[in-house]
Amino acid sequence: MGFDEPNIDPAAFLEDVEMRIGEITDVALFPEARKDVYKLTVDFGDRSRQSAAGLTDVYDPEDILGNRVVAVVNLGAVSIAGFESQCLVTGVDSGDGVVHLTTERDVPLGTRVY
């Protein structure tokens, strides 16, 4: 039933992958990275996490500051050019670059995505 990947157990997915709603509170250029990415700070209500996000081809920093995003928060940290990326901001390829996923209405920061 999957498009390209085999089916997985829905309960296992919801248990294993923790996605939460956050707000981008800081955006910085990241010239040390091999790819064009921003250094983001994402506020999840009771805590903030850093993320290296490939949004530079679609968004200027002032365009994404304050935006709500869907982020995976339990992948563990990854070091990118000395920067600790602590969450994965989700997105889709629009053909013109990556567009981040968000909610259609405001929901409290930190709300879990199911």
N, C-alpha and C. Protein backbone atom coordinates (compact mmCIF):
# COMPACT_ATOMS: atom_id res chain seq x y z
N MET A 1 0.81 -1.19 0.00
CA MET A 1 0.00 0.00 0.00
C MET A 1 0.86 1.26 0.00
N GLY A 2 2.12 1.18 0.49
CA GLY A 2 2.99 2.34 0.44
C GLY A 2 3.31 2.71 -1.00
N PHE A 3 3.79 3.90 -1.22
CA PHE A 3 4.17 4.32 -2.57
C PHE A 3 5.50 3.70 -2.98
N ASP A 4 6.54 3.98 -2.21
CA ASP A 4 7.88 3.50 -2.56
C ASP A 4 8.49 2.60 -1.50
N GLU A 5 8.00 2.66 -0.30
CA GLU A 5 8.56 1.91 0.82
C GLU A 5 7.53 0.90 1.32
N PRO A 6 8.00 -0.17 1.95
CA PRO A 6 7.05 -1.16 2.49
C PRO A 6 6.23 -0.57 3.63
N ASN A 7 5.08 -1.16 3.86
CA ASN A 7 4.22 -0.74 4.97
C ASN A 7 4.93 -0.95 6.30
N ILE A 8 4.60 -0.07 7.25
CA ILE A 8 5.12 -0.22 8.61
C ILE A 8 3.93 -0.28 9.56
N ASP A 9 4.19 -0.70 10.76
CA ASP A 9 3.16 -0.79 11.79
C ASP A 9 2.82 0.62 12.26
N PRO A 10 1.56 1.09 12.09
CA PRO A 10 1.20 2.45 12.50
C PRO A 10 1.48 2.72 13.97
N ALA A 11 1.21 1.75 14.84
CA ALA A 11 1.44 1.97 16.27
C ALA A 11 2.93 2.17 16.54
N ALA A 12 3.77 1.41 15.87
CA ALA A 12 5.22 1.55 16.06
C ALA A 12 5.69 2.92 15.58
N PHE A 13 5.15 3.39 14.47
CA PHE A 13 5.53 4.72 13.97
C PHE A 13 5.18 5.80 14.99
N LEU A 14 3.96 5.75 15.52
CA LEU A 14 3.53 6.77 16.48
C LEU A 14 4.29 6.67 17.79
N GLU A 15 4.73 5.47 18.15
CA GLU A 15 5.53 5.30 19.36
C GLU A 15 6.97 5.76 19.15
N ASP A 16 7.51 5.52 17.96
CA ASP A 16 8.93 5.76 17.71
C ASP A 16 9.25 7.17 17.25
N VAL A 17 8.40 7.78 16.44
CA VAL A 17 8.68 9.09 15.87
C VAL A 17 7.90 10.15 16.63
N GLU A 18 8.63 11.08 17.27
CA GLU A 18 7.98 12.15 18.02
C GLU A 18 8.11 13.46 17.25
N MET A 19 6.99 13.95 16.73
CA MET A 19 6.94 15.22 16.02
C MET A 19 6.16 16.22 16.85
N ARG A 20 6.66 17.45 16.90
CA ARG A 20 6.04 18.49 17.70
C ARG A 20 5.97 19.79 16.91
N ILE A 21 5.05 20.67 17.32
CA ILE A 21 4.91 21.99 16.71
C ILE A 21 5.84 22.95 17.42
N GLY A 22 6.63 23.67 16.63
CA GLY A 22 7.55 24.66 17.19
C GLY A 22 7.45 25.97 16.42
N GLU A 23 8.07 26.99 16.98
CA GLU A 23 8.11 28.30 16.34
C GLU A 23 9.57 28.71 16.16
N ILE A 24 9.91 29.15 14.96
CA ILE A 24 11.28 29.58 14.68
C ILE A 24 11.49 30.94 15.34
N THR A 25 12.43 30.98 16.30
CA THR A 25 12.66 32.21 17.06
C THR A 25 13.99 32.88 16.70
N ASP A 26 14.84 32.17 15.96
CA ASP A 26 16.10 32.77 15.52
C ASP A 26 16.54 32.09 14.23
N VAL A 27 17.06 32.88 13.31
CA VAL A 27 17.56 32.38 12.02
C VAL A 27 18.92 33.01 11.79
N ALA A 28 19.92 32.19 11.51
CA ALA A 28 21.26 32.71 11.25
C ALA A 28 21.84 32.04 10.01
N LEU A 29 22.63 32.77 9.26
CA LEU A 29 23.34 32.19 8.13
C LEU A 29 24.35 31.19 8.64
N PHE A 30 24.70 30.22 7.81
CA PHE A 30 25.60 29.14 8.23
C PHE A 30 26.62 28.87 7.12
N PRO A 31 27.54 29.81 6.90
CA PRO A 31 28.49 29.66 5.79
C PRO A 31 29.47 28.50 5.96
N GLU A 32 29.65 27.99 7.18
CA GLU A 32 30.58 26.87 7.42
C GLU A 32 30.04 25.54 6.89
N ALA A 33 28.75 25.43 6.69
CA ALA A 33 28.14 24.18 6.21
C ALA A 33 28.44 23.97 4.73
N ARG A 34 28.53 22.71 4.33
CA ARG A 34 28.78 22.39 2.91
C ARG A 34 27.58 22.72 2.03
N LYS A 35 26.38 22.59 2.57
CA LYS A 35 25.15 22.90 1.82
C LYS A 35 24.60 24.22 2.33
N ASP A 36 23.71 24.82 1.55
CA ASP A 36 23.06 26.06 1.97
C ASP A 36 21.98 25.74 2.99
N VAL A 37 22.27 26.02 4.24
CA VAL A 37 21.31 25.81 5.32
C VAL A 37 21.37 26.99 6.27
N TYR A 38 20.31 27.13 7.04
CA TYR A 38 20.27 28.12 8.11
C TYR A 38 20.47 27.42 9.44
N LYS A 39 20.99 28.14 10.41
CA LYS A 39 20.96 27.71 11.80
C LYS A 39 19.66 28.27 12.38
N LEU A 40 18.82 27.40 12.85
CA LEU A 40 17.54 27.83 13.42
C LEU A 40 17.51 27.53 14.91
N THR A 41 16.79 28.37 15.65
CA THR A 41 16.37 28.04 17.00
C THR A 41 14.86 27.87 16.93
N VAL A 42 14.38 26.74 17.42
CA VAL A 42 12.95 26.42 17.38
C VAL A 42 12.44 26.29 18.81
N ASP A 43 11.43 27.08 19.15
CA ASP A 43 10.82 27.09 20.48
C ASP A 43 9.65 26.11 20.49
N PHE A 44 9.69 25.15 21.43
CA PHE A 44 8.62 24.17 21.58
C PHE A 44 7.78 24.42 22.83
N GLY A 45 7.83 25.64 23.34
CA GLY A 45 7.04 25.99 24.51
C GLY A 45 7.85 25.90 25.78
N ASP A 46 8.13 24.69 26.23
CA ASP A 46 8.88 24.51 27.47
C ASP A 46 10.37 24.32 27.25
N ARG A 47 10.79 24.28 25.98
CA ARG A 47 12.22 24.14 25.66
C ARG A 47 12.45 24.55 24.21
N SER A 48 13.69 24.85 23.89
CA SER A 48 14.08 25.19 22.53
C SER A 48 15.12 24.20 22.05
N ARG A 49 15.16 24.02 20.74
CA ARG A 49 16.17 23.16 20.12
C ARG A 49 16.73 23.88 18.90
N GLN A 50 17.95 23.50 18.54
CA GLN A 50 18.60 24.04 17.34
C GLN A 50 18.37 23.10 16.18
N SER A 51 18.37 23.67 14.96
CA SER A 51 18.24 22.85 13.77
C SER A 51 19.01 23.49 12.63
N ALA A 52 19.65 22.66 11.83
CA ALA A 52 20.25 23.11 10.58
C ALA A 52 19.24 22.75 9.49
N ALA A 53 18.66 23.75 8.86
CA ALA A 53 17.55 23.51 7.93
C ALA A 53 17.85 24.07 6.55
N GLY A 54 17.63 23.26 5.53
CA GLY A 54 17.88 23.64 4.15
C GLY A 54 16.72 24.40 3.54
N LEU A 55 16.53 25.62 3.99
CA LEU A 55 15.42 26.45 3.52
C LEU A 55 15.90 27.68 2.76
N THR A 56 17.21 27.77 2.52
CA THR A 56 17.79 29.01 1.99
C THR A 56 17.37 29.33 0.56
N ASP A 57 17.00 28.31 -0.21
CA ASP A 57 16.63 28.56 -1.60
C ASP A 57 15.20 29.04 -1.76
N VAL A 58 14.42 29.00 -0.70
CA VAL A 58 13.01 29.43 -0.75
C VAL A 58 12.74 30.62 0.16
N TYR A 59 13.41 30.65 1.32
CA TYR A 59 13.10 31.64 2.34
C TYR A 59 14.29 32.54 2.64
N ASP A 60 14.02 33.82 2.80
CA ASP A 60 14.97 34.74 3.40
C ASP A 60 14.77 34.63 4.92
N PRO A 61 15.80 34.92 5.71
CA PRO A 61 15.66 34.76 7.16
C PRO A 61 14.44 35.47 7.75
N GLU A 62 14.17 36.69 7.31
CA GLU A 62 13.03 37.42 7.87
C GLU A 62 11.68 36.81 7.48
N ASP A 63 11.66 35.98 6.42
CA ASP A 63 10.42 35.33 5.99
C ASP A 63 10.03 34.15 6.86
N ILE A 64 11.00 33.53 7.53
CA ILE A 64 10.66 32.35 8.33
C ILE A 64 10.70 32.61 9.83
N LEU A 65 11.26 33.74 10.23
CA LEU A 65 11.28 34.08 11.65
C LEU A 65 9.84 34.20 12.15
N GLY A 66 9.50 33.46 13.19
CA GLY A 66 8.15 33.47 13.74
C GLY A 66 7.22 32.43 13.15
N ASN A 67 7.66 31.72 12.12
CA ASN A 67 6.82 30.69 11.52
C ASN A 67 6.70 29.47 12.41
N ARG A 68 5.54 28.84 12.35
CA ARG A 68 5.32 27.56 13.04
C ARG A 68 5.77 26.44 12.11
N VAL A 69 6.41 25.42 12.68
CA VAL A 69 6.91 24.30 11.89
C VAL A 69 6.58 22.99 12.58
N VAL A 70 6.61 21.92 11.80
CA VAL A 70 6.50 20.56 12.32
C VAL A 70 7.92 20.01 12.35
N ALA A 71 8.37 19.55 13.52
CA ALA A 71 9.73 19.06 13.66
C ALA A 71 9.78 17.72 14.35
N VAL A 72 10.69 16.87 13.91
CA VAL A 72 10.97 15.61 14.60
C VAL A 72 11.97 15.92 15.69
N VAL A 73 11.62 15.58 16.93
CA VAL A 73 12.45 16.00 18.07
C VAL A 73 13.21 14.85 18.74
N ASN A 74 13.06 13.62 18.26
CA ASN A 74 13.73 12.51 18.93
C ASN A 74 14.67 11.72 18.01
N LEU A 75 15.35 12.42 17.11
CA LEU A 75 16.32 11.75 16.25
C LEU A 75 17.72 11.74 16.85
N GLY A 76 17.91 12.48 17.92
CA GLY A 76 19.24 12.64 18.48
C GLY A 76 19.93 13.79 17.77
N ALA A 77 21.04 14.23 18.33
CA ALA A 77 21.76 15.38 17.77
C ALA A 77 22.72 14.92 16.68
N VAL A 78 22.88 15.80 15.68
CA VAL A 78 23.83 15.57 14.59
C VAL A 78 24.72 16.81 14.52
N SER A 79 26.03 16.59 14.44
CA SER A 79 26.95 17.72 14.34
C SER A 79 27.20 18.05 12.87
N ILE A 80 26.94 19.31 12.52
CA ILE A 80 27.15 19.79 11.16
C ILE A 80 28.09 20.98 11.26
N ALA A 81 29.31 20.79 10.80
CA ALA A 81 30.33 21.85 10.84
C ALA A 81 30.43 22.48 12.23
N GLY A 82 30.41 21.62 13.26
CA GLY A 82 30.54 22.10 14.63
C GLY A 82 29.25 22.60 15.27
N PHE A 83 28.15 22.60 14.53
CA PHE A 83 26.85 23.05 15.04
C PHE A 83 26.03 21.81 15.37
N GLU A 84 25.45 21.76 16.56
CA GLU A 84 24.64 20.62 16.97
C GLU A 84 23.20 20.81 16.55
N SER A 85 22.77 20.06 15.53
CA SER A 85 21.38 20.09 15.08
C SER A 85 20.60 19.09 15.92
N GLN A 86 19.62 19.59 16.68
CA GLN A 86 18.93 18.78 17.68
C GLN A 86 17.52 18.36 17.29
N CYS A 87 17.03 18.85 16.17
CA CYS A 87 15.72 18.44 15.69
C CYS A 87 15.70 18.58 14.17
N LEU A 88 14.74 17.94 13.53
CA LEU A 88 14.61 17.97 12.09
C LEU A 88 13.34 18.71 11.72
N VAL A 89 13.47 19.89 11.13
CA VAL A 89 12.32 20.64 10.65
C VAL A 89 11.87 19.96 9.35
N THR A 90 10.62 19.55 9.29
CA THR A 90 10.14 18.79 8.14
C THR A 90 9.77 19.72 6.99
N GLY A 91 9.84 19.18 5.79
CA GLY A 91 9.52 19.96 4.61
C GLY A 91 9.26 19.07 3.41
N VAL A 92 8.86 19.70 2.34
CA VAL A 92 8.63 19.00 1.08
C VAL A 92 9.36 19.76 -0.03
N ASP A 93 9.73 19.05 -1.07
CA ASP A 93 10.38 19.67 -2.22
C ASP A 93 9.29 20.22 -3.13
N SER A 94 9.27 21.53 -3.30
CA SER A 94 8.24 22.17 -4.12
C SER A 94 8.61 22.25 -5.58
N GLY A 95 9.80 21.80 -5.94
CA GLY A 95 10.31 21.98 -7.28
C GLY A 95 11.15 23.25 -7.37
N ASP A 96 10.83 24.22 -6.53
CA ASP A 96 11.61 25.46 -6.44
C ASP A 96 12.43 25.49 -5.16
N GLY A 97 12.46 24.40 -4.43
CA GLY A 97 13.18 24.33 -3.17
C GLY A 97 12.32 23.71 -2.10
N VAL A 98 12.86 23.62 -0.91
CA VAL A 98 12.16 22.99 0.21
C VAL A 98 11.21 23.98 0.87
N VAL A 99 9.99 23.54 1.10
CA VAL A 99 8.99 24.32 1.80
C VAL A 99 8.68 23.60 3.10
N HIS A 100 8.76 24.31 4.24
CA HIS A 100 8.53 23.62 5.50
C HIS A 100 7.05 23.36 5.74
N LEU A 101 6.80 22.31 6.53
CA LEU A 101 5.43 21.94 6.87
C LEU A 101 5.00 22.72 8.10
N THR A 102 3.74 23.08 8.14
CA THR A 102 3.19 23.85 9.24
C THR A 102 1.76 23.40 9.50
N THR A 103 1.07 24.08 10.40
CA THR A 103 -0.33 23.76 10.70
C THR A 103 -1.24 24.77 10.01
N GLU A 104 -2.49 24.40 9.79
CA GLU A 104 -3.42 25.33 9.18
C GLU A 104 -3.98 26.34 10.18
N ARG A 105 -3.91 26.01 11.47
CA ARG A 105 -4.36 26.90 12.54
C ARG A 105 -3.31 26.93 13.63
N ASP A 106 -3.37 27.98 14.46
CA ASP A 106 -2.46 28.04 15.59
C ASP A 106 -2.81 26.96 16.60
N VAL A 107 -1.80 26.27 17.05
CA VAL A 107 -1.93 25.31 18.13
C VAL A 107 -0.82 25.62 19.13
N PRO A 108 -0.96 25.22 20.37
CA PRO A 108 0.08 25.51 21.35
C PRO A 108 1.43 24.93 20.94
N LEU A 109 2.49 25.69 21.23
CA LEU A 109 3.84 25.18 20.96
C LEU A 109 4.06 23.91 21.75
N GLY A 110 4.74 22.96 21.13
CA GLY A 110 5.01 21.69 21.79
C GLY A 110 3.95 20.63 21.55
N THR A 111 2.84 20.99 20.90
CA THR A 111 1.78 20.02 20.65
C THR A 111 2.34 18.87 19.81
N ARG A 112 2.02 17.65 20.22
CA ARG A 112 2.51 16.47 19.49
C ARG A 112 1.69 16.26 18.23
N VAL A 113 2.36 15.86 17.18
CA VAL A 113 1.72 15.58 15.88
C VAL A 113 1.47 14.08 15.79
N TYR A 114 0.24 13.70 15.43
CA TYR A 114 -0.13 12.29 15.25
C TYR A 114 -0.63 12.06 13.86
